[in-house]
Amino acid sequence: MSKKQHLSRLAAPRSWPVKRKVSKWIAKPIPGAHNLKSSMPLVVIIRDLLSITKTSKEVKTLLNSKSILINNKTVRKIHLPIGLFDVISIPKLNIHYRILLNKQGKLFPIKIADSEANLIPLRIENKVSISAKKTQLNFNNGWNILVGKDDYKTNDVIIFDTSTQKIKDKLSLNKGAVVYLIGGKHTGIVAKLAEIKETGTLRKHRVVRLVSGKVELESAIKHIIVIGKDKPVIKLE
């Protein structure tokens, strides 16, 4: 058993919703856009979570026949890391799944409609000026794109259309915006943004006050991602 391609099930990240004692080893994702804690290998999702196949060999067969797309691209590696908001499509079966986080902080696939299978929310982590007319936006999933007119801010979210490779919309941290919590003790909750404030004396950091139903809560700004202006632009439950 190759340690490069597998890890102990008992040592698998807590974000993986897998049985720990059915066998000793489980597939390990290769380095990619997502880190180990925020992703799962494609083979585990297809075989263990979705039960589309029974063996890793069957997953390889599907990949070799170009039957599986990730974010509208054919892939060949069964250990490819699949993380938050990634879309798995199987065109022959006309089904699509998006990876989300539940309230226990575990990754899970949810079936989605064709109409949103091309849409990926991307949070801007930082920007780099490439030239007087070009700015590179770097996103939370490791992607980056070049834009001409720079009217984007850190923590803005773009809705990227993978079929056209273009930005479809921009979402900002405005009061009333719908946010999805992707970290902290409120992971997996959908809420509305009520306020952004700074705390601390020597080292100030921004926190957000949120409203979810009748409940008010606070979170670090790094733990939220804007997902809509008045309602979510993608299916979350």
C-alpha atoms as a PDB file:
ATOM      1  CA  MET A   1       0.000   0.000   0.000  1.00  0.00           C
ATOM      2  CA  SER A   2       1.615   3.261  -1.121  1.00  0.00           C
ATOM      3  CA  LYS A   3       1.749   5.882   1.633  1.00  0.00           C
ATOM      4  CA  LYS A   4       1.889   8.552  -1.064  1.00  0.00           C
ATOM      5  CA  GLN A   5      -1.537   7.557  -2.368  1.00  0.00           C
ATOM      6  CA  HIS A   6      -3.198   6.444   0.862  1.00  0.00           C
ATOM      7  CA  LEU A   7      -3.516   7.427   4.498  1.00  0.00           C
ATOM      8  CA  SER A   8      -4.886   5.747   7.579  1.00  0.00           C
ATOM      9  CA  ARG A   9      -8.673   6.042   7.849  1.00  0.00           C
ATOM     10  CA  LEU A  10      -8.256   6.891  11.524  1.00  0.00           C
ATOM     11  CA  ALA A  11      -5.990   9.794  10.561  1.00  0.00           C
ATOM     12  CA  ALA A  12      -8.273  11.109   7.809  1.00  0.00           C
ATOM     13  CA  PRO A  13      -9.392  14.742   8.315  1.00  0.00           C
ATOM     14  CA  ARG A  14     -12.516  15.264  10.419  1.00  0.00           C
ATOM     15  CA  SER A  15     -14.088  16.978   7.422  1.00  0.00           C
ATOM     16  CA  TRP A  16     -14.281  13.610   5.638  1.00  0.00           C
ATOM     17  CA  PRO A  17     -17.635  11.868   6.296  1.00  0.00           C
ATOM     18  CA  VAL A  18     -16.202   8.352   6.022  1.00  0.00           C
ATOM     19  CA  LYS A  19     -16.340   5.247   8.174  1.00  0.00           C
ATOM     20  CA  ARG A  20     -13.133   4.954  10.166  1.00  0.00           C
ATOM     21  CA  LYS A  21     -12.943   1.247  10.956  1.00  0.00           C
ATOM     22  CA  VAL A  22     -14.146  -0.589   7.826  1.00  0.00           C
ATOM     23  CA  SER A  23     -10.560  -0.866   6.558  1.00  0.00           C
ATOM     24  CA  LYS A  24      -7.134   0.458   7.483  1.00  0.00           C
ATOM     25  CA  TRP A  25      -6.442   2.693   4.475  1.00  0.00           C
ATOM     26  CA  ILE A  26      -8.236   5.300   2.404  1.00  0.00           C
ATOM     27  CA  ALA A  27      -7.215   7.174  -0.744  1.00  0.00           C
ATOM     28  CA  LYS A  28      -5.277  10.399  -0.244  1.00  0.00           C
ATOM     29  CA  PRO A  29      -5.768  13.431  -2.514  1.00  0.00           C
ATOM     30  CA  ILE A  30      -2.825  14.600  -4.593  1.00  0.00           C
ATOM     31  CA  PRO A  31      -1.612  18.209  -4.206  1.00  0.00           C
ATOM     32  CA  GLY A  32      -3.970  20.590  -5.986  1.00  0.00           C
ATOM     33  CA  ALA A  33      -6.248  23.589  -5.624  1.00  0.00           C
ATOM     34  CA  HIS A  34      -7.500  22.482  -2.185  1.00  0.00           C
ATOM     35  CA  ASN A  35      -5.535  21.392   0.875  1.00  0.00           C
ATOM     36  CA  LEU A  36      -6.008  18.055   2.635  1.00  0.00           C
ATOM     37  CA  LYS A  37      -8.464  19.321   5.275  1.00  0.00           C
ATOM     38  CA  SER A  38     -10.731  21.113   2.808  1.00  0.00           C
ATOM     39  CA  SER A  39     -10.977  18.431   0.129  1.00  0.00           C
ATOM     40  CA  MET A  40     -11.497  14.755  -0.564  1.00  0.00           C
ATOM     41  CA  PRO A  41     -10.104  12.570  -3.356  1.00  0.00           C
ATOM     42  CA  LEU A  42     -12.498  12.116  -6.266  1.00  0.00           C
ATOM     43  CA  VAL A  43     -12.450   8.325  -5.931  1.00  0.00           C
ATOM     44  CA  VAL A  44     -13.799   8.483  -2.362  1.00  0.00           C
ATOM     45  CA  ILE A  45     -16.669  10.764  -3.370  1.00  0.00           C
ATOM     46  CA  ILE A  46     -17.683   8.688  -6.408  1.00  0.00           C
ATOM     47  CA  ARG A  47     -17.285   5.274  -4.764  1.00  0.00           C
ATOM     48  CA  ASP A  48     -17.997   5.809  -1.061  1.00  0.00           C
ATOM     49  CA  LEU A  49     -20.291   8.842  -0.799  1.00  0.00           C
ATOM     50  CA  LEU A  50     -22.307   8.658  -4.021  1.00  0.00           C
ATOM     51  CA  SER A  51     -22.049   4.859  -4.486  1.00  0.00           C
ATOM     52  CA  ILE A  52     -21.885   5.306  -8.263  1.00  0.00           C
ATOM     53  CA  THR A  53     -19.208   2.600  -8.397  1.00  0.00           C
ATOM     54  CA  LYS A  54     -18.105  -0.180  -6.086  1.00  0.00           C
ATOM     55  CA  THR A  55     -14.373  -0.127  -6.750  1.00  0.00           C
ATOM     56  CA  SER A  56     -11.606   2.332  -7.564  1.00  0.00           C
ATOM     57  CA  LYS A  57     -11.015   0.406 -10.792  1.00  0.00           C
ATOM     58  CA  GLU A  58     -14.546   1.290 -11.915  1.00  0.00           C
ATOM     59  CA  VAL A  59     -13.855   4.944 -11.110  1.00  0.00           C
ATOM     60  CA  LYS A  60     -10.736   4.775 -13.307  1.00  0.00           C
ATOM     61  CA  THR A  61     -12.829   3.333 -16.132  1.00  0.00           C
ATOM     62  CA  LEU A  62     -15.277   6.237 -15.899  1.00  0.00           C
ATOM     63  CA  LEU A  63     -12.440   8.758 -15.928  1.00  0.00           C
ATOM     64  CA  ASN A  64     -10.689   7.105 -18.869  1.00  0.00           C
ATOM     65  CA  SER A  65     -13.931   7.238 -20.864  1.00  0.00           C
ATOM     66  CA  LYS A  66     -14.262  10.958 -20.044  1.00  0.00           C
ATOM     67  CA  SER A  67     -17.548  10.283 -18.261  1.00  0.00           C
ATOM     68  CA  ILE A  68     -16.859  12.554 -15.287  1.00  0.00           C
ATOM     69  CA  LEU A  69     -16.383  16.322 -15.375  1.00  0.00           C
ATOM     70  CA  ILE A  70     -15.134  18.535 -12.562  1.00  0.00           C
ATOM     71  CA  ASN A  71     -16.193  22.150 -12.994  1.00  0.00           C
ATOM     72  CA  ASN A  72     -16.875  21.446 -16.678  1.00  0.00           C
ATOM     73  CA  LYS A  73     -13.481  19.883 -17.353  1.00  0.00           C
ATOM     74  CA  THR A  74     -12.637  16.243 -18.011  1.00  0.00           C
ATOM     75  CA  VAL A  75     -10.255  14.767 -15.450  1.00  0.00           C
ATOM     76  CA  ARG A  76      -8.188  11.587 -15.382  1.00  0.00           C
ATOM     77  CA  LYS A  77      -6.812  11.335 -11.835  1.00  0.00           C
ATOM     78  CA  ILE A  78      -8.812   9.409  -9.227  1.00  0.00           C
ATOM     79  CA  HIS A  79      -6.907  11.130  -6.401  1.00  0.00           C
ATOM     80  CA  LEU A  80      -7.789  14.628  -7.614  1.00  0.00           C
ATOM     81  CA  PRO A  81      -8.748  16.845  -4.622  1.00  0.00           C
ATOM     82  CA  ILE A  82     -12.390  17.941  -4.749  1.00  0.00           C
ATOM     83  CA  GLY A  83     -13.345  20.742  -2.376  1.00  0.00           C
ATOM     84  CA  LEU A  84     -15.932  23.318  -1.401  1.00  0.00           C
ATOM     85  CA  PHE A  85     -18.276  24.423  -4.228  1.00  0.00           C
ATOM     86  CA  ASP A  86     -16.649  22.137  -6.816  1.00  0.00           C
ATOM     87  CA  VAL A  87     -19.176  20.561  -9.183  1.00  0.00           C
ATOM     88  CA  ILE A  88     -19.011  16.908 -10.217  1.00  0.00           C
ATOM     89  CA  SER A  89     -20.956  16.186 -13.412  1.00  0.00           C
ATOM     90  CA  ILE A  90     -21.763  12.882 -15.093  1.00  0.00           C
ATOM     91  CA  PRO A  91     -23.251  13.938 -18.471  1.00  0.00           C
ATOM     92  CA  LYS A  92     -24.338  10.434 -19.508  1.00  0.00           C
ATOM     93  CA  LEU A  93     -26.554  10.238 -16.423  1.00  0.00           C
ATOM     94  CA  ASN A  94     -27.453  13.945 -16.579  1.00  0.00           C
ATOM     95  CA  ILE A  95     -26.593  14.452 -12.914  1.00  0.00           C
ATOM     96  CA  HIS A  96     -24.539  17.073 -11.094  1.00  0.00           C
ATOM     97  CA  TYR A  97     -23.336  17.311  -7.506  1.00  0.00           C
ATOM     98  CA  ARG A  98     -21.830  20.253  -5.626  1.00  0.00           C
ATOM     99  CA  ILE A  99     -19.567  19.839  -2.613  1.00  0.00           C
ATOM    100  CA  LEU A 100     -20.730  21.718   0.501  1.00  0.00           C
ATOM    101  CA  LEU A 101     -20.085  21.752   4.256  1.00  0.00           C
ATOM    102  CA  ASN A 102     -22.673  20.590   6.778  1.00  0.00           C
ATOM    103  CA  LYS A 103     -23.147  21.951  10.294  1.00  0.00           C
ATOM    104  CA  GLN A 104     -20.713  19.372  11.652  1.00  0.00           C
ATOM    105  CA  GLY A 105     -18.016  20.757   9.356  1.00  0.00           C
ATOM    106  CA  LYS A 106     -18.027  17.732   7.069  1.00  0.00           C
ATOM    107  CA  LEU A 107     -17.854  17.860   3.287  1.00  0.00           C
ATOM    108  CA  PHE A 108     -20.803  16.356   1.455  1.00  0.00           C
ATOM    109  CA  PRO A 109     -22.199  16.221  -2.107  1.00  0.00           C
ATOM    110  CA  ILE A 110     -25.618  17.688  -2.877  1.00  0.00           C
ATOM    111  CA  LYS A 111     -27.480  17.068  -6.119  1.00  0.00           C
ATOM    112  CA  ILE A 112     -28.043  20.260  -8.121  1.00  0.00           C
ATOM    113  CA  ALA A 113     -29.927  21.329 -11.243  1.00  0.00           C
ATOM    114  CA  ASP A 114     -28.414  21.784 -14.706  1.00  0.00           C
ATOM    115  CA  SER A 115     -29.098  25.519 -14.442  1.00  0.00           C
ATOM    116  CA  GLU A 116     -26.480  26.033 -11.728  1.00  0.00           C
ATOM    117  CA  ALA A 117     -23.959  23.328 -12.623  1.00  0.00           C
ATOM    118  CA  ASN A 118     -21.794  25.899 -14.432  1.00  0.00           C
ATOM    119  CA  LEU A 119     -21.668  28.348 -11.518  1.00  0.00           C
ATOM    120  CA  ILE A 120     -18.818  28.467  -8.993  1.00  0.00           C
ATOM    121  CA  PRO A 121     -18.645  31.065  -6.161  1.00  0.00           C
ATOM    122  CA  LEU A 122     -15.065  32.322  -5.749  1.00  0.00           C
ATOM    123  CA  ARG A 123     -13.982  34.567  -2.869  1.00  0.00           C
ATOM    124  CA  ILE A 124     -11.216  37.055  -3.592  1.00  0.00           C
ATOM    125  CA  GLU A 125      -8.339  36.509  -1.158  1.00  0.00           C
ATOM    126  CA  ASN A 126      -6.035  39.145  -2.619  1.00  0.00           C
ATOM    127  CA  LYS A 127      -5.214  41.088  -5.785  1.00  0.00           C
ATOM    128  CA  VAL A 128      -1.998  41.648  -7.723  1.00  0.00           C
ATOM    129  CA  SER A 129      -1.446  44.457 -10.207  1.00  0.00           C
ATOM    130  CA  ILE A 130       0.062  42.913 -13.342  1.00  0.00           C
ATOM    131  CA  SER A 131       0.152  46.066 -15.449  1.00  0.00           C
ATOM    132  CA  ALA A 132      -1.584  49.415 -15.762  1.00  0.00           C
ATOM    133  CA  LYS A 133      -4.536  47.688 -17.397  1.00  0.00           C
ATOM    134  CA  LYS A 134      -4.529  44.217 -15.830  1.00  0.00           C
ATOM    135  CA  THR A 135      -5.151  42.969 -12.292  1.00  0.00           C
ATOM    136  CA  GLN A 136      -4.938  39.372 -11.148  1.00  0.00           C
ATOM    137  CA  LEU A 137      -7.630  38.198  -8.720  1.00  0.00           C
ATOM    138  CA  ASN A 138      -6.569  35.303  -6.486  1.00  0.00           C
ATOM    139  CA  PHE A 139      -9.348  33.136  -5.059  1.00  0.00           C
ATOM    140  CA  ASN A 140      -9.957  30.922  -2.044  1.00  0.00           C
ATOM    141  CA  ASN A 141      -9.729  27.704  -4.078  1.00  0.00           C
ATOM    142  CA  GLY A 142      -6.354  28.506  -5.612  1.00  0.00           C
ATOM    143  CA  TRP A 143      -7.713  29.773  -8.932  1.00  0.00           C
ATOM    144  CA  ASN A 144      -6.847  33.166 -10.363  1.00  0.00           C
ATOM    145  CA  ILE A 145      -8.009  35.255 -13.307  1.00  0.00           C
ATOM    146  CA  LEU A 146      -7.016  38.507 -14.971  1.00  0.00           C
ATOM    147  CA  VAL A 147      -9.450  41.411 -15.170  1.00  0.00           C
ATOM    148  CA  GLY A 148      -9.259  44.755 -16.925  1.00  0.00           C
ATOM    149  CA  LYS A 149     -11.402  47.102 -14.884  1.00  0.00           C
ATOM    150  CA  ASP A 150     -10.504  46.595 -11.230  1.00  0.00           C
ATOM    151  CA  ASP A 151     -13.646  47.309  -9.240  1.00  0.00           C
ATOM    152  CA  TYR A 152     -13.156  44.316  -6.942  1.00  0.00           C
ATOM    153  CA  LYS A 153     -12.277  44.179  -3.245  1.00  0.00           C
ATOM    154  CA  THR A 154     -10.806  41.501  -1.014  1.00  0.00           C
ATOM    155  CA  ASN A 155     -13.636  39.250   0.296  1.00  0.00           C
ATOM    156  CA  ASP A 156     -15.863  40.095  -2.672  1.00  0.00           C
ATOM    157  CA  VAL A 157     -17.217  36.971  -4.330  1.00  0.00           C
ATOM    158  CA  ILE A 158     -17.511  36.469  -8.046  1.00  0.00           C
ATOM    159  CA  ILE A 159     -19.896  33.982  -9.588  1.00  0.00           C
ATOM    160  CA  PHE A 160     -17.794  32.337 -12.269  1.00  0.00           C
ATOM    161  CA  ASP A 161     -19.417  30.573 -15.227  1.00  0.00           C
ATOM    162  CA  THR A 162     -17.268  27.558 -16.117  1.00  0.00           C
ATOM    163  CA  SER A 163     -19.013  27.093 -19.469  1.00  0.00           C
ATOM    164  CA  THR A 164     -18.097  30.561 -20.754  1.00  0.00           C
ATOM    165  CA  GLN A 165     -15.037  31.100 -18.518  1.00  0.00           C
ATOM    166  CA  LYS A 166     -16.416  34.520 -17.627  1.00  0.00           C
ATOM    167  CA  ILE A 167     -17.544  36.372 -14.514  1.00  0.00           C
ATOM    168  CA  LYS A 168     -21.328  36.313 -14.312  1.00  0.00           C
ATOM    169  CA  ASP A 169     -21.854  38.415 -11.187  1.00  0.00           C
ATOM    170  CA  LYS A 170     -20.112  40.063  -8.246  1.00  0.00           C
ATOM    171  CA  LEU A 171     -21.276  39.848  -4.633  1.00  0.00           C
ATOM    172  CA  SER A 172     -19.993  42.192  -1.931  1.00  0.00           C
ATOM    173  CA  LEU A 173     -20.108  42.267   1.867  1.00  0.00           C
ATOM    174  CA  ASN A 174     -23.043  44.647   2.051  1.00  0.00           C
ATOM    175  CA  LYS A 175     -25.603  44.813   4.830  1.00  0.00           C
ATOM    176  CA  GLY A 176     -28.355  42.290   4.138  1.00  0.00           C
ATOM    177  CA  ALA A 177     -26.182  40.075   1.925  1.00  0.00           C
ATOM    178  CA  VAL A 178     -26.660  36.330   2.291  1.00  0.00           C
ATOM    179  CA  VAL A 179     -23.548  34.561   3.573  1.00  0.00           C
ATOM    180  CA  TYR A 180     -22.520  30.944   4.032  1.00  0.00           C
ATOM    181  CA  LEU A 181     -20.293  30.025   6.960  1.00  0.00           C
ATOM    182  CA  ILE A 182     -17.357  27.865   5.916  1.00  0.00           C
ATOM    183  CA  GLY A 183     -15.433  27.759   9.195  1.00  0.00           C
ATOM    184  CA  GLY A 184     -15.694  28.214  12.938  1.00  0.00           C
ATOM    185  CA  LYS A 185     -18.380  26.873  15.252  1.00  0.00           C
ATOM    186  CA  HIS A 186     -21.227  27.975  12.962  1.00  0.00           C
ATOM    187  CA  THR A 187     -19.990  26.129   9.857  1.00  0.00           C
ATOM    188  CA  GLY A 188     -22.694  25.230   7.343  1.00  0.00           C
ATOM    189  CA  ILE A 189     -25.164  27.905   8.461  1.00  0.00           C
ATOM    190  CA  VAL A 190     -26.750  30.365   6.020  1.00  0.00           C
ATOM    191  CA  ALA A 191     -27.273  33.846   7.463  1.00  0.00           C
ATOM    192  CA  LYS A 192     -27.704  37.508   6.587  1.00  0.00           C
ATOM    193  CA  LEU A 193     -25.005  40.086   7.184  1.00  0.00           C
ATOM    194  CA  ALA A 194     -26.044  42.664   9.784  1.00  0.00           C
ATOM    195  CA  GLU A 195     -22.783  44.453  10.571  1.00  0.00           C
ATOM    196  CA  ILE A 196     -19.015  44.405  10.092  1.00  0.00           C
ATOM    197  CA  LYS A 197     -16.975  45.688  13.022  1.00  0.00           C
ATOM    198  CA  GLU A 198     -13.390  45.789  14.260  1.00  0.00           C
ATOM    199  CA  THR A 199     -12.291  44.288  17.573  1.00  0.00           C
ATOM    200  CA  GLY A 200      -9.021  44.202  19.480  1.00  0.00           C
ATOM    201  CA  THR A 201      -6.609  46.905  20.552  1.00  0.00           C
ATOM    202  CA  LEU A 202      -3.053  46.102  19.481  1.00  0.00           C
ATOM    203  CA  ARG A 203      -4.060  43.731  16.706  1.00  0.00           C
ATOM    204  CA  LYS A 204      -7.406  44.672  15.255  1.00  0.00           C
ATOM    205  CA  HIS A 205      -9.389  42.195  13.238  1.00  0.00           C
ATOM    206  CA  ARG A 206     -12.769  42.346  11.591  1.00  0.00           C
ATOM    207  CA  VAL A 207     -15.725  40.283  12.729  1.00  0.00           C
ATOM    208  CA  VAL A 208     -19.243  40.128  11.380  1.00  0.00           C
ATOM    209  CA  ARG A 209     -22.578  40.129  13.135  1.00  0.00           C
ATOM    210  CA  LEU A 210     -25.033  37.825  11.413  1.00  0.00           C
ATOM    211  CA  VAL A 211     -28.704  36.935  11.668  1.00  0.00           C
ATOM    212  CA  SER A 212     -29.932  33.414  10.942  1.00  0.00           C
ATOM    213  CA  GLY A 213     -33.683  33.191  11.450  1.00  0.00           C
ATOM    214  CA  LYS A 214     -34.227  34.652  14.916  1.00  0.00           C
ATOM    215  CA  VAL A 215     -30.692  33.912  16.069  1.00  0.00           C
ATOM    216  CA  GLU A 216     -27.864  36.460  16.118  1.00  0.00           C
ATOM    217  CA  LEU A 217     -24.287  35.257  15.939  1.00  0.00           C
ATOM    218  CA  GLU A 218     -20.764  36.520  15.349  1.00  0.00           C
ATOM    219  CA  SER A 219     -18.006  35.118  13.193  1.00  0.00           C
ATOM    220  CA  ALA A 220     -14.561  36.012  11.926  1.00  0.00           C
ATOM    221  CA  ILE A 221     -14.786  37.515   8.460  1.00  0.00           C
ATOM    222  CA  LYS A 222     -12.506  34.767   7.121  1.00  0.00           C
ATOM    223  CA  HIS A 223     -15.177  32.196   7.967  1.00  0.00           C
ATOM    224  CA  ILE A 224     -17.891  33.605   5.709  1.00  0.00           C
ATOM    225  CA  ILE A 225     -18.458  33.771   1.981  1.00  0.00           C
ATOM    226  CA  VAL A 226     -21.131  35.903   0.335  1.00  0.00           C
ATOM    227  CA  ILE A 227     -23.540  33.670  -1.515  1.00  0.00           C
ATOM    228  CA  GLY A 228     -26.275  36.073  -2.638  1.00  0.00           C
ATOM    229  CA  LYS A 229     -27.654  39.598  -2.479  1.00  0.00           C
ATOM    230  CA  ASP A 230     -31.048  38.670  -1.041  1.00  0.00           C
ATOM    231  CA  LYS A 231     -31.100  34.883  -1.529  1.00  0.00           C
ATOM    232  CA  PRO A 232     -28.470  32.210  -2.290  1.00  0.00           C
ATOM    233  CA  VAL A 233     -27.471  31.999  -5.958  1.00  0.00           C
ATOM    234  CA  ILE A 234     -26.750  28.283  -5.574  1.00  0.00           C
ATOM    235  CA  LYS A 235     -28.518  25.432  -3.802  1.00  0.00           C
ATOM    236  CA  LEU A 236     -27.215  24.985  -0.253  1.00  0.00           C
ATOM    237  CA  GLU A 237     -29.646  22.452   1.195  1.00  0.00           C
END
